């Protein structure tokens, strides 16, 4: 028998002994504790006081009424508002003129300019992408590179508006 086996038997036996002691009936110990005896004596000596406390607590319970609950745990969301009549919807549409909203241009930044054999290539970053473009190339499908200078790039969109990107200092 190895030491590990002996240790396991020792720990296991100790656990069984502790369990047996925990669940065995206590011989020689009174069935009620001294605190319980004191409570019984106090209750027996002052039944009038106990009765007045019972009456007072019942009165307080009757006075405090819970309000009706408005929460429904079985409903996922609040009820939808009543639909508008068609007349109100037409009036709202006529009263508020619709203006065309143009989305803001994507944030593009010029990260650098590279030059090789006399041809410049712009390094433009924006919208989580990096673009390596030269003159005439497309950037993000929205702009066309018009000119690449040593420190700036000129971009033109489909409407003809131009935007100049400059290297950060």
C-alpha atoms as a PDB file:
ATOM      1  CA  UNK A   1       0.000   0.000   0.000  1.00  0.00           C
ATOM      2  CA  UNK A   2       1.411   3.381  -1.000  1.00  0.00           C
ATOM      3  CA  UNK A   3       1.494   6.560   1.006  1.00  0.00           C
ATOM      4  CA  UNK A   4      -1.068   8.180  -1.284  1.00  0.00           C
ATOM      5  CA  UNK A   5      -3.517   5.347  -0.631  1.00  0.00           C
ATOM      6  CA  UNK A   6      -2.986   5.623   3.106  1.00  0.00           C
ATOM      7  CA  UNK A   7      -3.573   9.367   3.009  1.00  0.00           C
ATOM      8  CA  UNK A   8      -6.763   8.876   1.016  1.00  0.00           C
ATOM      9  CA  UNK A   9      -8.042   6.305   3.506  1.00  0.00           C
ATOM     10  CA  UNK A  10      -7.156   8.571   6.435  1.00  0.00           C
ATOM     11  CA  UNK A  11      -8.994  11.595   4.913  1.00  0.00           C
ATOM     12  CA  UNK A  12     -11.951   9.468   3.840  1.00  0.00           C
ATOM     13  CA  UNK A  13     -12.244   7.892   7.288  1.00  0.00           C
ATOM     14  CA  UNK A  14     -12.092  11.319   8.919  1.00  0.00           C
ATOM     15  CA  UNK A  15     -14.884  12.520   6.641  1.00  0.00           C
ATOM     16  CA  UNK A  16     -17.069   9.540   7.522  1.00  0.00           C
ATOM     17  CA  UNK A  17     -16.430  10.068  11.253  1.00  0.00           C
ATOM     18  CA  UNK A  18     -17.271  13.790  10.981  1.00  0.00           C
ATOM     19  CA  UNK A  19     -20.496  12.980   9.141  1.00  0.00           C
ATOM     20  CA  UNK A  20     -21.509  10.393  11.744  1.00  0.00           C
ATOM     21  CA  UNK A  21     -20.892  12.845  14.571  1.00  0.00           C
ATOM     22  CA  UNK A  22     -22.854  15.563  12.789  1.00  0.00           C
ATOM     23  CA  UNK A  23     -25.992  13.475  12.258  1.00  0.00           C
ATOM     24  CA  UNK A  24     -25.995  11.401  15.425  1.00  0.00           C
ATOM     25  CA  UNK A  25     -28.540  12.365  18.088  1.00  0.00           C
ATOM     26  CA  UNK A  26     -27.139  14.340  20.998  1.00  0.00           C
ATOM     27  CA  UNK A  27     -27.535  12.305  24.166  1.00  0.00           C
ATOM     28  CA  UNK A  28     -27.670  14.242  27.411  1.00  0.00           C
ATOM     29  CA  UNK A  29     -28.492  17.602  25.749  1.00  0.00           C
ATOM     30  CA  UNK A  30     -31.937  19.030  26.553  1.00  0.00           C
ATOM     31  CA  UNK A  31     -34.410  19.119  23.641  1.00  0.00           C
ATOM     32  CA  UNK A  32     -35.020  22.857  24.028  1.00  0.00           C
ATOM     33  CA  UNK A  33     -32.423  25.521  24.280  1.00  0.00           C
ATOM     34  CA  UNK A  34     -32.260  27.985  27.201  1.00  0.00           C
ATOM     35  CA  UNK A  35     -33.267  30.844  24.894  1.00  0.00           C
ATOM     36  CA  UNK A  36     -36.500  29.075  24.000  1.00  0.00           C
ATOM     37  CA  UNK A  37     -37.243  28.462  27.689  1.00  0.00           C
ATOM     38  CA  UNK A  38     -36.758  32.165  28.478  1.00  0.00           C
ATOM     39  CA  UNK A  39     -39.101  33.138  25.646  1.00  0.00           C
ATOM     40  CA  UNK A  40     -41.788  30.747  26.875  1.00  0.00           C
ATOM     41  CA  UNK A  41     -41.535  32.123  30.406  1.00  0.00           C
ATOM     42  CA  UNK A  42     -41.751  35.717  29.115  1.00  0.00           C
ATOM     43  CA  UNK A  43     -44.812  34.931  27.015  1.00  0.00           C
ATOM     44  CA  UNK A  44     -46.520  33.154  29.886  1.00  0.00           C
ATOM     45  CA  UNK A  45     -45.878  36.040  32.282  1.00  0.00           C
ATOM     46  CA  UNK A  46     -47.241  38.841  30.079  1.00  0.00           C
ATOM     47  CA  UNK A  47     -50.166  37.615  27.906  1.00  0.00           C
ATOM     48  CA  UNK A  48     -51.892  41.014  28.128  1.00  0.00           C
ATOM     49  CA  UNK A  49     -48.884  42.788  26.657  1.00  0.00           C
ATOM     50  CA  UNK A  50     -48.671  40.219  23.888  1.00  0.00           C
ATOM     51  CA  UNK A  51     -52.356  40.635  23.056  1.00  0.00           C
ATOM     52  CA  UNK A  52     -52.010  44.422  22.811  1.00  0.00           C
ATOM     53  CA  UNK A  53     -49.034  44.025  20.470  1.00  0.00           C
ATOM     54  CA  UNK A  54     -51.034  41.615  18.284  1.00  0.00           C
ATOM     55  CA  UNK A  55     -53.945  44.049  18.072  1.00  0.00           C
ATOM     56  CA  UNK A  56     -51.654  46.977  17.265  1.00  0.00           C
ATOM     57  CA  UNK A  57     -49.868  45.046  14.481  1.00  0.00           C
ATOM     58  CA  UNK A  58     -53.169  43.908  12.926  1.00  0.00           C
ATOM     59  CA  UNK A  59     -54.420  47.512  12.887  1.00  0.00           C
ATOM     60  CA  UNK A  60     -51.258  48.700  11.141  1.00  0.00           C
ATOM     61  CA  UNK A  61     -51.581  45.909   8.593  1.00  0.00           C
ATOM     62  CA  UNK A  62     -55.182  46.854   7.833  1.00  0.00           C
ATOM     63  CA  UNK A  63     -54.326  50.565   7.452  1.00  0.00           C
ATOM     64  CA  UNK A  64     -51.549  50.019   4.923  1.00  0.00           C
ATOM     65  CA  UNK A  65     -53.124  48.983   1.631  1.00  0.00           C
ATOM     66  CA  UNK A  66     -51.026  48.153  -1.406  1.00  0.00           C
ATOM     67  CA  UNK A  67     -51.900  49.989  -4.547  1.00  0.00           C
ATOM     68  CA  UNK A  68     -52.813  48.055  -7.647  1.00  0.00           C
ATOM     69  CA  UNK A  69     -49.837  46.888  -9.668  1.00  0.00           C
ATOM     70  CA  UNK A  70     -49.465  48.261 -13.196  1.00  0.00           C
ATOM     71  CA  UNK A  71     -46.615  45.987 -14.191  1.00  0.00           C
ATOM     72  CA  UNK A  72     -47.338  42.965 -16.366  1.00  0.00           C
ATOM     73  CA  UNK A  73     -44.403  40.538 -16.356  1.00  0.00           C
ATOM     74  CA  UNK A  74     -45.864  38.655 -19.318  1.00  0.00           C
ATOM     75  CA  UNK A  75     -45.839  41.633 -21.692  1.00  0.00           C
ATOM     76  CA  UNK A  76     -42.536  42.249 -23.474  1.00  0.00           C
ATOM     77  CA  UNK A  77     -43.039  45.877 -24.440  1.00  0.00           C
ATOM     78  CA  UNK A  78     -45.452  48.713 -23.783  1.00  0.00           C
ATOM     79  CA  UNK A  79     -48.631  48.901 -25.851  1.00  0.00           C
ATOM     80  CA  UNK A  80     -48.392  50.664 -29.174  1.00  0.00           C
ATOM     81  CA  UNK A  81     -50.126  54.032 -29.531  1.00  0.00           C
ATOM     82  CA  UNK A  82     -53.355  54.189 -31.478  1.00  0.00           C
ATOM     83  CA  UNK A  83     -52.762  54.726 -35.220  1.00  0.00           C
ATOM     84  CA  UNK A  84     -53.411  58.182 -36.648  1.00  0.00           C
ATOM     85  CA  UNK A  85     -56.314  58.650 -38.977  1.00  0.00           C
ATOM     86  CA  UNK A  86     -55.446  59.081 -42.657  1.00  0.00           C
ATOM     87  CA  UNK A  87     -56.618  62.703 -42.520  1.00  0.00           C
ATOM     88  CA  UNK A  88     -54.071  63.549 -39.779  1.00  0.00           C
ATOM     89  CA  UNK A  89     -51.271  61.785 -41.678  1.00  0.00           C
ATOM     90  CA  UNK A  90     -52.040  63.732 -44.877  1.00  0.00           C
ATOM     91  CA  UNK A  91     -52.111  66.995 -42.920  1.00  0.00           C
ATOM     92  CA  UNK A  92     -48.753  66.191 -41.295  1.00  0.00           C
ATOM     93  CA  UNK A  93     -47.213  65.379 -44.684  1.00  0.00           C
ATOM     94  CA  UNK A  94     -48.463  68.629 -46.241  1.00  0.00           C
ATOM     95  CA  UNK A  95     -47.481  70.789 -43.265  1.00  0.00           C
ATOM     96  CA  UNK A  96     -43.854  69.661 -43.190  1.00  0.00           C
ATOM     97  CA  UNK A  97     -41.954  70.118 -46.450  1.00  0.00           C
ATOM     98  CA  UNK A  98     -39.370  67.463 -47.122  1.00  0.00           C
ATOM     99  CA  UNK A  99     -35.852  68.724 -47.674  1.00  0.00           C
ATOM    100  CA  UNK A 100     -33.322  66.495 -49.379  1.00  0.00           C
ATOM    101  CA  UNK A 101     -30.698  65.436 -46.889  1.00  0.00           C
ATOM    102  CA  UNK A 102     -27.218  64.911 -48.213  1.00  0.00           C
ATOM    103  CA  UNK A 103     -25.091  62.554 -46.182  1.00  0.00           C
ATOM    104  CA  UNK A 104     -21.846  63.997 -44.871  1.00  0.00           C
ATOM    105  CA  UNK A 105     -18.781  63.049 -46.872  1.00  0.00           C
ATOM    106  CA  UNK A 106     -16.691  60.243 -45.443  1.00  0.00           C
ATOM    107  CA  UNK A 107     -13.803  61.342 -43.252  1.00  0.00           C
ATOM    108  CA  UNK A 108     -10.709  60.875 -45.353  1.00  0.00           C
ATOM    109  CA  UNK A 109      -7.211  61.801 -44.242  1.00  0.00           C
ATOM    110  CA  UNK A 110      -4.014  61.960 -46.202  1.00  0.00           C
ATOM    111  CA  UNK A 111      -1.522  59.710 -44.435  1.00  0.00           C
ATOM    112  CA  UNK A 112       1.384  60.159 -46.803  1.00  0.00           C
ATOM    113  CA  UNK A 113       2.664  60.593 -50.340  1.00  0.00           C
ATOM    114  CA  UNK A 114       5.130  58.220 -51.998  1.00  0.00           C
ATOM    115  CA  UNK A 115       7.122  58.958 -55.128  1.00  0.00           C
ATOM    116  CA  UNK A 116       8.709  56.348 -57.379  1.00  0.00           C
ATOM    117  CA  UNK A 117      10.197  57.003 -60.825  1.00  0.00           C
ATOM    118  CA  UNK A 118       8.557  60.421 -60.983  1.00  0.00           C
ATOM    119  CA  UNK A 119       5.035  59.112 -60.279  1.00  0.00           C
ATOM    120  CA  UNK A 120       3.354  60.071 -56.985  1.00  0.00           C
ATOM    121  CA  UNK A 121       1.065  57.755 -55.029  1.00  0.00           C
ATOM    122  CA  UNK A 122      -1.178  59.089 -52.241  1.00  0.00           C
ATOM    123  CA  UNK A 123      -1.859  57.047 -49.114  1.00  0.00           C
ATOM    124  CA  UNK A 124      -5.383  57.947 -47.973  1.00  0.00           C
ATOM    125  CA  UNK A 125      -7.126  56.421 -44.957  1.00  0.00           C
ATOM    126  CA  UNK A 126     -10.788  56.587 -44.059  1.00  0.00           C
ATOM    127  CA  UNK A 127     -13.748  54.440 -42.989  1.00  0.00           C
ATOM    128  CA  UNK A 128     -11.382  51.742 -41.738  1.00  0.00           C
ATOM    129  CA  UNK A 129      -9.686  51.392 -45.145  1.00  0.00           C
ATOM    130  CA  UNK A 130      -6.331  52.442 -46.591  1.00  0.00           C
ATOM    131  CA  UNK A 131      -6.221  53.502 -50.228  1.00  0.00           C
ATOM    132  CA  UNK A 132      -3.049  53.709 -52.371  1.00  0.00           C
ATOM    133  CA  UNK A 133      -4.101  55.883 -55.313  1.00  0.00           C
ATOM    134  CA  UNK A 134      -2.571  57.880 -58.105  1.00  0.00           C
ATOM    135  CA  UNK A 135      -4.011  60.505 -60.462  1.00  0.00           C
ATOM    136  CA  UNK A 136      -7.255  59.296 -62.075  1.00  0.00           C
ATOM    137  CA  UNK A 137      -7.876  56.522 -59.512  1.00  0.00           C
ATOM    138  CA  UNK A 138     -11.079  56.181 -57.469  1.00  0.00           C
ATOM    139  CA  UNK A 139     -11.209  56.561 -53.666  1.00  0.00           C
ATOM    140  CA  UNK A 140     -13.999  54.743 -51.756  1.00  0.00           C
ATOM    141  CA  UNK A 141     -16.078  54.693 -54.928  1.00  0.00           C
ATOM    142  CA  UNK A 142     -17.037  58.340 -54.278  1.00  0.00           C
ATOM    143  CA  UNK A 143     -14.081  60.465 -55.327  1.00  0.00           C
ATOM    144  CA  UNK A 144     -11.640  60.623 -58.208  1.00  0.00           C
ATOM    145  CA  UNK A 145      -8.077  61.772 -57.631  1.00  0.00           C
ATOM    146  CA  UNK A 146      -7.437  64.868 -59.738  1.00  0.00           C
ATOM    147  CA  UNK A 147      -3.896  65.737 -58.666  1.00  0.00           C
ATOM    148  CA  UNK A 148      -1.306  64.426 -56.222  1.00  0.00           C
ATOM    149  CA  UNK A 149       1.155  67.061 -54.925  1.00  0.00           C
ATOM    150  CA  UNK A 150       4.076  66.539 -52.558  1.00  0.00           C
ATOM    151  CA  UNK A 151       1.971  67.530 -49.512  1.00  0.00           C
ATOM    152  CA  UNK A 152      -1.662  67.525 -50.740  1.00  0.00           C
ATOM    153  CA  UNK A 153      -4.205  65.621 -52.829  1.00  0.00           C
ATOM    154  CA  UNK A 154      -7.127  67.085 -54.793  1.00  0.00           C
ATOM    155  CA  UNK A 155     -10.281  64.912 -54.925  1.00  0.00           C
ATOM    156  CA  UNK A 156     -13.438  65.439 -57.023  1.00  0.00           C
ATOM    157  CA  UNK A 157     -16.817  63.778 -56.400  1.00  0.00           C
ATOM    158  CA  UNK A 158     -19.503  62.850 -58.965  1.00  0.00           C
ATOM    159  CA  UNK A 159     -21.251  66.244 -58.581  1.00  0.00           C
ATOM    160  CA  UNK A 160     -18.037  68.103 -59.422  1.00  0.00           C
ATOM    161  CA  UNK A 161     -17.282  69.366 -55.903  1.00  0.00           C
ATOM    162  CA  UNK A 162     -13.597  69.304 -55.044  1.00  0.00           C
ATOM    163  CA  UNK A 163     -11.989  68.480 -51.720  1.00  0.00           C
ATOM    164  CA  UNK A 164      -8.345  69.031 -50.827  1.00  0.00           C
ATOM    165  CA  UNK A 165      -6.569  66.757 -48.355  1.00  0.00           C
ATOM    166  CA  UNK A 166      -3.366  68.055 -46.761  1.00  0.00           C
ATOM    167  CA  UNK A 167      -0.716  66.110 -44.856  1.00  0.00           C
ATOM    168  CA  UNK A 168      -1.020  66.662 -41.084  1.00  0.00           C
ATOM    169  CA  UNK A 169       1.831  68.658 -39.551  1.00  0.00           C
END
